[in-house]
């Protein structure tokens, strides 16, 4: 299923030609989005080859670090363009998409094929706890920021920077814990899960030089496609009456993580529910604990101010998402009905965000 994504590479030159020929903005948006999907897949493949040469733990770290590279590049381009609402919405949308859409689709398709599927409850419980802590950390600047804003706007930025730094510290401690784990311990750490996912993926016959060249070239191409995509956002928003908020919640997370999402679904179809759960929840955790805080520190480099102050609708959705992650991990089992429930909840939230007025979303 993933290998067919490469056929979408045709949209990379199409997007470039559309940009040079000054095609309608919606054409630029669609072609750039479709072009980013296979490029993200190539980044993943190049990373897997390099990870295989580094050993299980270091390879797992490399896989975990580059897991959301495409979305990180897109959001940096959005920061440079001043689309901060789009950036914050994409953070929320990535977490919701991983926990509700990807995990739901994996459980539904895997459960439909194999019936009751089981996974390591201890590992799932650790990830669920981390997710709840991550959401609480995102809540703090949002809840306290509104009260602090009336006294000092600068204090809100300092609060966001402080919380972002501590979230990165939690993420680093989680990686250190994974490195210090003994191989015989029952609950597999995130690095072991990432390494195991790479082992179960289709084997690659690329040389180290070719993998590095593909990784470098695909990353540069994603940067170019991201610039085209972000440049088309505001005209498309104005023409079709959509909001940056909705595009960030739904479109950007799906495009940036499409290849990784398909891998998670594939693992569930192969009855590797442990890995499917780790891909979904682990990717959401990485967005919350690493990507979002890093963006807070990157924004000032472009003369922008990105705070971790989310609106009440995003906070409610994130709270529901963290509760779902905790409930799913309780019994160590999943079935197609649970997957359908998660998917329906995601569609309900997507509909609500679609009809949410721009002013309320911002």
Protein backbone atom coordinates (compact mmCIF):
# COMPACT_ATOMS: atom_id res chain seq x y z
CA UNK A 1 0.00 0.00 0.00
CA UNK A 2 2.79 2.43 0.89
CA UNK A 3 4.77 1.71 -2.28
CA UNK A 4 1.98 3.12 -4.44
CA UNK A 5 2.49 6.51 -2.79
CA UNK A 6 5.59 7.01 -4.95
CA UNK A 7 3.38 7.47 -8.01
CA UNK A 8 2.34 10.79 -6.47
CA UNK A 9 5.86 12.10 -7.13
CA UNK A 10 4.52 13.29 -10.48
CA UNK A 11 2.86 16.13 -8.58
CA UNK A 12 6.22 17.59 -7.52
CA UNK A 13 7.11 18.85 -11.03
CA UNK A 14 3.42 19.63 -11.62
CA UNK A 15 3.39 21.91 -8.56
CA UNK A 16 6.62 23.61 -9.69
CA UNK A 17 5.20 24.15 -13.19
CA UNK A 18 1.96 25.49 -11.73
CA UNK A 19 3.94 27.95 -9.60
CA UNK A 20 5.99 29.17 -12.58
CA UNK A 21 2.88 29.48 -14.78
CA UNK A 22 0.94 31.35 -12.05
CA UNK A 23 -1.84 28.76 -11.94
CA UNK A 24 -4.89 29.31 -9.69
CA UNK A 25 -4.03 29.17 -6.00
CA UNK A 26 -6.21 26.13 -5.32
CA UNK A 27 -4.23 24.21 -7.96
CA UNK A 28 -0.98 25.15 -6.18
CA UNK A 29 -2.40 24.05 -2.83
CA UNK A 30 -3.65 20.68 -4.10
CA UNK A 31 -0.56 19.78 -6.15
CA UNK A 32 1.85 20.84 -3.39
CA UNK A 33 -0.07 18.75 -0.85
CA UNK A 34 -0.03 15.69 -3.11
CA UNK A 35 3.68 16.23 -3.82
CA UNK A 36 4.62 16.35 -0.13
CA UNK A 37 3.07 12.94 0.62
CA UNK A 38 5.57 10.81 -1.41
CA UNK A 39 8.46 13.07 -0.38
CA UNK A 40 7.64 12.36 3.27
CA UNK A 41 7.65 8.66 2.41
CA UNK A 42 11.13 8.98 0.84
CA UNK A 43 12.38 10.74 3.99
CA UNK A 44 11.04 7.81 6.00
CA UNK A 45 12.71 5.23 3.75
CA UNK A 46 16.06 7.02 3.80
CA UNK A 47 15.85 7.28 7.57
CA UNK A 48 15.11 3.54 7.89
CA UNK A 49 18.21 2.63 5.85
CA UNK A 50 20.44 4.91 7.93
CA UNK A 51 18.80 3.61 11.12
CA UNK A 52 19.63 0.04 10.11
CA UNK A 53 23.35 0.92 10.06
CA UNK A 54 23.29 2.56 13.49
CA UNK A 55 21.94 -0.34 15.56
CA UNK A 56 18.61 -0.82 17.33
CA UNK A 57 18.66 2.00 19.88
CA UNK A 58 20.35 4.71 17.80
CA UNK A 59 18.32 3.64 14.79
CA UNK A 60 15.16 3.91 16.85
CA UNK A 61 16.19 7.40 17.94
CA UNK A 62 16.77 8.42 14.31
CA UNK A 63 13.36 7.06 13.30
CA UNK A 64 11.69 8.84 16.22
CA UNK A 65 13.43 12.13 15.43
CA UNK A 66 12.58 12.20 11.72
CA UNK A 67 9.06 10.82 12.20
CA UNK A 68 7.41 14.23 11.81
CA UNK A 69 10.03 15.97 9.66
CA UNK A 70 7.61 16.91 6.87
CA UNK A 71 5.10 18.53 9.20
CA UNK A 72 7.87 20.37 11.04
CA UNK A 73 9.10 21.86 7.74
CA UNK A 74 5.55 22.87 6.73
CA UNK A 75 4.91 24.60 10.06
CA UNK A 76 8.26 26.43 9.93
CA UNK A 77 7.27 27.76 6.49
CA UNK A 78 3.93 28.82 7.97
CA UNK A 79 5.70 30.65 10.82
CA UNK A 80 7.87 32.46 8.30
CA UNK A 81 4.70 33.53 6.46
CA UNK A 82 3.10 34.73 9.71
CA UNK A 83 0.33 32.06 9.68
CA UNK A 84 0.55 31.40 13.42
CA UNK A 85 -3.09 30.34 13.70
CA UNK A 86 -2.40 27.65 11.10
CA UNK A 87 0.63 26.46 13.11
CA UNK A 88 -1.22 26.16 16.42
CA UNK A 89 -4.14 24.43 14.71
CA UNK A 90 -1.77 21.94 13.04
CA UNK A 91 -0.35 21.00 16.45
CA UNK A 92 -3.85 20.26 17.74
CA UNK A 93 -4.82 18.53 14.49
CA UNK A 94 -1.75 16.27 14.54
CA UNK A 95 -2.49 15.03 18.03
CA UNK A 96 -6.17 14.48 17.22
CA UNK A 97 -5.34 12.85 13.89
CA UNK A 98 -2.88 10.38 15.38
CA UNK A 99 -4.98 9.34 18.37
CA UNK A 100 -8.45 9.36 16.81
CA UNK A 101 -8.02 8.95 13.04
CA UNK A 102 -4.88 6.80 12.62
CA UNK A 103 -5.41 4.67 15.71
CA UNK A 104 -9.12 4.39 14.96
CA UNK A 105 -8.52 3.33 11.35
CA UNK A 106 -5.85 0.84 12.48
CA UNK A 107 -8.13 -0.70 15.10
CA UNK A 108 -11.07 -0.82 12.70
CA UNK A 109 -9.25 -2.47 9.78
CA UNK A 110 -7.06 -4.69 11.95
CA UNK A 111 -10.01 -5.79 14.09
CA UNK A 112 -12.17 -6.43 11.03
CA UNK A 113 -9.49 -8.76 9.61
CA UNK A 114 -8.20 -10.44 12.78
CA UNK A 115 -10.99 -10.00 15.34
CA UNK A 116 -9.77 -9.22 18.84
CA UNK A 117 -6.21 -7.82 18.79
CA UNK A 118 -3.91 -7.57 21.80
CA UNK A 119 -1.05 -5.23 22.64
CA UNK A 120 1.37 -4.60 25.51
CA UNK A 121 -0.76 -2.90 28.17
CA UNK A 122 2.29 -1.68 30.13
CA UNK A 123 3.78 0.16 27.15
CA UNK A 124 0.41 1.57 26.13
CA UNK A 125 -0.15 2.74 29.71
CA UNK A 126 3.19 4.58 29.82
CA UNK A 127 2.41 6.32 26.52
CA UNK A 128 -1.10 7.21 27.68
CA UNK A 129 0.28 8.74 30.88
CA UNK A 130 2.79 10.76 28.87
CA UNK A 131 -0.04 11.95 26.61
CA UNK A 132 -2.11 13.14 29.57
CA UNK A 133 0.93 14.98 30.98
CA UNK A 134 1.61 16.55 27.57
CA UNK A 135 -1.96 17.82 27.29
CA UNK A 136 -1.81 19.23 30.83
CA UNK A 137 1.41 21.03 29.88
CA UNK A 138 -0.35 22.53 26.84
CA UNK A 139 -3.28 23.55 29.07
CA UNK A 140 -1.17 25.59 31.49
CA UNK A 141 -0.14 28.49 29.17
CA UNK A 142 -3.66 28.57 27.73
CA UNK A 143 -5.48 28.75 31.06
CA UNK A 144 -3.05 31.04 32.87
CA UNK A 145 -2.19 33.08 29.78
CA UNK A 146 -5.59 34.78 29.59
CA UNK A 147 -5.25 36.02 33.16
CA UNK A 148 -1.60 37.05 32.73
CA UNK A 149 -2.29 38.82 29.41
CA UNK A 150 -4.17 41.67 31.12
CA UNK A 151 -1.07 42.50 33.20
CA UNK A 152 1.80 41.75 30.83
CA UNK A 153 1.78 40.38 27.30
CA UNK A 154 5.52 39.65 27.48
CA UNK A 155 4.92 37.39 30.49
CA UNK A 156 2.69 35.14 28.35
CA UNK A 157 5.55 34.65 25.89
CA UNK A 158 8.00 33.92 28.71
CA UNK A 159 5.54 31.42 30.19
CA UNK A 160 5.24 29.66 26.83
CA UNK A 161 9.03 29.58 26.43
CA UNK A 162 9.46 28.16 29.94
CA UNK A 163 6.80 25.49 29.45
CA UNK A 164 8.23 24.63 26.02
CA UNK A 165 11.70 24.15 27.49
CA UNK A 166 10.36 21.86 30.22
CA UNK A 167 8.36 19.84 27.68
CA UNK A 168 11.52 19.27 25.64
CA UNK A 169 13.20 18.19 28.89
CA UNK A 170 10.44 15.61 29.49
CA UNK A 171 10.87 14.35 25.93
CA UNK A 172 14.64 14.07 26.42
CA UNK A 173 14.19 12.23 29.74
CA UNK A 174 11.83 9.81 27.99
CA UNK A 175 14.54 9.07 25.40
CA UNK A 176 17.18 8.67 28.12
CA UNK A 177 14.91 6.23 29.93
CA UNK A 178 14.54 4.27 26.68
CA UNK A 179 18.34 4.13 26.26
CA UNK A 180 18.88 2.97 29.84
CA UNK A 181 16.30 0.22 29.64
CA UNK A 182 17.53 -3.33 29.89
CA UNK A 183 16.72 -5.44 26.82
CA UNK A 184 14.85 -7.98 28.92
CA UNK A 185 12.39 -5.53 30.45
CA UNK A 186 8.77 -6.33 29.67
CA UNK A 187 7.62 -2.92 28.48
CA UNK A 188 9.31 -1.94 25.25
CA UNK A 189 10.53 1.62 25.12
CA UNK A 190 9.88 4.04 22.25
CA UNK A 191 13.27 3.46 20.67
CA UNK A 192 12.82 -0.31 20.72
CA UNK A 193 9.38 0.05 19.18
CA UNK A 194 10.74 2.32 16.43
CA UNK A 195 13.56 -0.11 15.72
CA UNK A 196 11.14 -3.05 15.65
CA UNK A 197 8.88 -1.19 13.23
CA UNK A 198 11.85 -0.67 10.92
CA UNK A 199 12.73 -4.36 11.12
CA UNK A 200 9.19 -5.42 10.21
CA UNK A 201 9.03 -3.00 7.26
CA UNK A 202 9.92 -4.11 3.75
CA UNK A 203 13.70 -4.56 3.34
CA UNK A 204 15.66 -1.91 1.46
CA UNK A 205 18.63 -2.48 -0.82
CA UNK A 206 19.84 1.10 -0.88
CA UNK A 207 23.45 1.91 -0.20
CA UNK A 208 24.30 4.29 2.62
CA UNK A 209 25.27 6.99 0.11
CA UNK A 210 22.02 6.62 -1.82
CA UNK A 211 19.97 6.75 1.38
CA UNK A 212 21.73 9.94 2.46
CA UNK A 213 21.25 11.53 -0.98
CA UNK A 214 17.53 10.62 -1.04
CA UNK A 215 17.05 11.94 2.49
CA UNK A 216 18.77 15.22 1.63
CA UNK A 217 17.03 15.66 -1.73
CA UNK A 218 13.57 14.80 -0.38
CA UNK A 219 14.01 17.22 2.52
CA UNK A 220 14.95 20.08 0.17
CA UNK A 221 11.97 19.23 -2.06
CA UNK A 222 9.64 19.28 0.95
CA UNK A 223 10.93 22.76 1.81
CA UNK A 224 10.09 23.95 -1.73
CA UNK A 225 6.65 22.28 -1.73
CA UNK A 226 5.93 23.73 1.72
CA UNK A 227 6.67 27.24 0.48
CA UNK A 228 4.23 26.74 -2.41
CA UNK A 229 1.59 25.26 -0.10
CA UNK A 230 1.85 27.98 2.54
CA UNK A 231 1.85 30.72 -0.10
CA UNK A 232 -1.46 29.42 -1.44
CA UNK A 233 -3.22 29.19 1.93
CA UNK A 234 -4.43 32.77 2.33
CA UNK A 235 -5.77 33.15 -1.26
CA UNK A 236 -7.60 29.80 -0.98
CA UNK A 237 -9.02 30.81 2.39
CA UNK A 238 -10.32 34.04 0.88
CA UNK A 239 -11.69 32.39 -2.28
CA UNK A 240 -13.47 29.40 -0.78
CA UNK A 241 -14.45 30.80 2.62
CA UNK A 242 -12.43 28.22 4.56
CA UNK A 243 -10.41 29.19 7.61
CA UNK A 244 -6.71 28.81 8.33
CA UNK A 245 -7.84 27.13 11.51
CA UNK A 246 -9.68 24.32 9.70
CA UNK A 247 -6.84 23.81 7.20
CA UNK A 248 -4.41 23.50 10.11
CA UNK A 249 -6.62 21.11 12.06
CA UNK A 250 -7.36 18.71 9.19
CA UNK A 251 -5.28 19.26 6.04
CA UNK A 252 -1.72 19.92 7.25
CA UNK A 253 -1.53 16.96 9.71
CA UNK A 254 -2.88 14.48 7.16
CA UNK A 255 -0.52 15.66 4.41
CA UNK A 256 2.56 15.84 6.62
CA UNK A 257 2.07 12.39 8.16
CA UNK A 258 0.26 10.44 5.43
CA UNK A 259 3.10 7.98 4.81
CA UNK A 260 3.63 7.28 8.51
CA UNK A 261 -0.13 6.88 8.98
CA UNK A 262 -0.26 4.22 6.27
CA UNK A 263 2.57 2.31 7.96
CA UNK A 264 0.58 2.28 11.21
CA UNK A 265 -2.48 0.90 9.41
CA UNK A 266 -0.34 -1.71 7.64
CA UNK A 267 1.04 -2.92 10.98
CA UNK A 268 -2.49 -3.36 12.32
CA UNK A 269 -3.49 -5.32 9.19
CA UNK A 270 -0.47 -7.59 9.82
CA UNK A 271 -1.68 -8.06 13.41
CA UNK A 272 1.23 -6.07 14.89
CA UNK A 273 -1.07 -3.95 17.05
CA UNK A 274 1.75 -3.02 19.46
CA UNK A 275 3.62 -1.26 16.68
CA UNK A 276 0.49 0.31 15.24
CA UNK A 277 -0.38 1.75 18.65
CA UNK A 278 3.18 3.00 19.13
CA UNK A 279 3.22 4.72 15.73
CA UNK A 280 -0.08 6.50 16.40
CA UNK A 281 0.37 7.48 20.05
CA UNK A 282 4.15 7.93 19.76
CA UNK A 283 3.75 10.34 16.86
CA UNK A 284 1.17 12.33 18.82
CA UNK A 285 3.51 12.48 21.78
CA UNK A 286 6.37 13.69 19.62
CA UNK A 287 4.19 16.50 18.26
CA UNK A 288 3.13 17.57 21.76
CA UNK A 289 6.46 17.21 23.57
CA UNK A 290 8.99 18.02 20.86
CA UNK A 291 7.62 19.63 17.69
CA UNK A 292 5.32 22.16 19.40
CA UNK A 293 7.97 23.35 21.91
CA UNK A 294 10.66 23.54 19.22
CA UNK A 295 8.38 25.74 17.10
CA UNK A 296 8.01 28.13 20.06
CA UNK A 297 11.80 28.60 20.09
CA UNK A 298 12.07 28.75 16.28
CA UNK A 299 9.43 31.48 15.85
CA UNK A 300 11.58 34.34 17.26
CA UNK A 301 14.26 33.51 14.68
CA UNK A 302 11.76 34.67 12.03
CA UNK A 303 10.69 37.69 14.04
CA UNK A 304 7.44 35.99 15.13
CA UNK A 305 5.92 35.28 18.51
CA UNK A 306 4.35 31.84 18.85
CA UNK A 307 2.82 31.08 22.24
CA UNK A 308 1.25 27.86 23.50
CA UNK A 309 -2.06 29.61 24.12
CA UNK A 310 -4.78 27.52 22.47
CA UNK A 311 -8.46 28.38 22.26
CA UNK A 312 -11.08 26.64 24.39
CA UNK A 313 -12.32 24.45 21.51
CA UNK A 314 -8.85 23.04 20.92
CA UNK A 315 -8.36 22.43 24.63
CA UNK A 316 -11.64 20.50 24.90
CA UNK A 317 -10.69 18.36 21.90
CA UNK A 318 -7.19 17.68 23.30
CA UNK A 319 -8.64 16.70 26.69
CA UNK A 320 -11.05 14.27 25.02
CA UNK A 321 -8.16 12.87 22.98
CA UNK A 322 -5.97 12.23 26.05
CA UNK A 323 -8.86 10.52 27.86
CA UNK A 324 -9.41 8.26 24.85
CA UNK A 325 -5.70 7.34 24.77
CA UNK A 326 -5.89 6.38 28.45
CA UNK A 327 -9.08 4.34 28.08
CA UNK A 328 -7.80 2.46 25.03
CA UNK A 329 -4.74 1.24 26.96
CA UNK A 330 -6.65 -0.10 29.98
CA UNK A 331 -7.38 -3.68 28.88
CA UNK A 332 -4.58 -4.30 26.36
CA UNK A 333 -7.14 -5.32 23.71
CA UNK A 334 -8.79 -3.69 20.72
CA UNK A 335 -11.51 -4.54 18.20
CA UNK A 336 -13.10 -3.03 15.10
CA UNK A 337 -15.95 -1.45 17.07
CA UNK A 338 -13.51 0.59 19.18
CA UNK A 339 -11.84 1.73 15.97
CA UNK A 340 -15.18 2.80 14.51
CA UNK A 341 -15.93 4.79 17.68
CA UNK A 342 -12.63 6.69 17.41
CA UNK A 343 -13.19 7.43 13.71
CA UNK A 344 -16.71 8.73 14.33
CA UNK A 345 -15.46 10.97 17.14
CA UNK A 346 -12.80 12.37 14.78
CA UNK A 347 -15.42 13.11 12.09
CA UNK A 348 -17.65 14.82 14.69
CA UNK A 349 -14.77 17.09 15.75
CA UNK A 350 -13.82 17.75 12.11
CA UNK A 351 -17.39 18.85 11.33
CA UNK A 352 -17.45 21.10 14.39
CA UNK A 353 -14.13 22.74 13.43
CA UNK A 354 -15.31 23.13 9.82
CA UNK A 355 -18.33 25.20 10.88
CA UNK A 356 -16.46 27.08 13.61
CA UNK A 357 -16.24 30.78 12.62
CA UNK A 358 -12.75 32.10 11.97
CA UNK A 359 -12.96 34.61 14.81
CA UNK A 360 -13.86 31.88 17.30
CA UNK A 361 -11.11 29.61 16.00
CA UNK A 362 -8.52 32.37 16.29
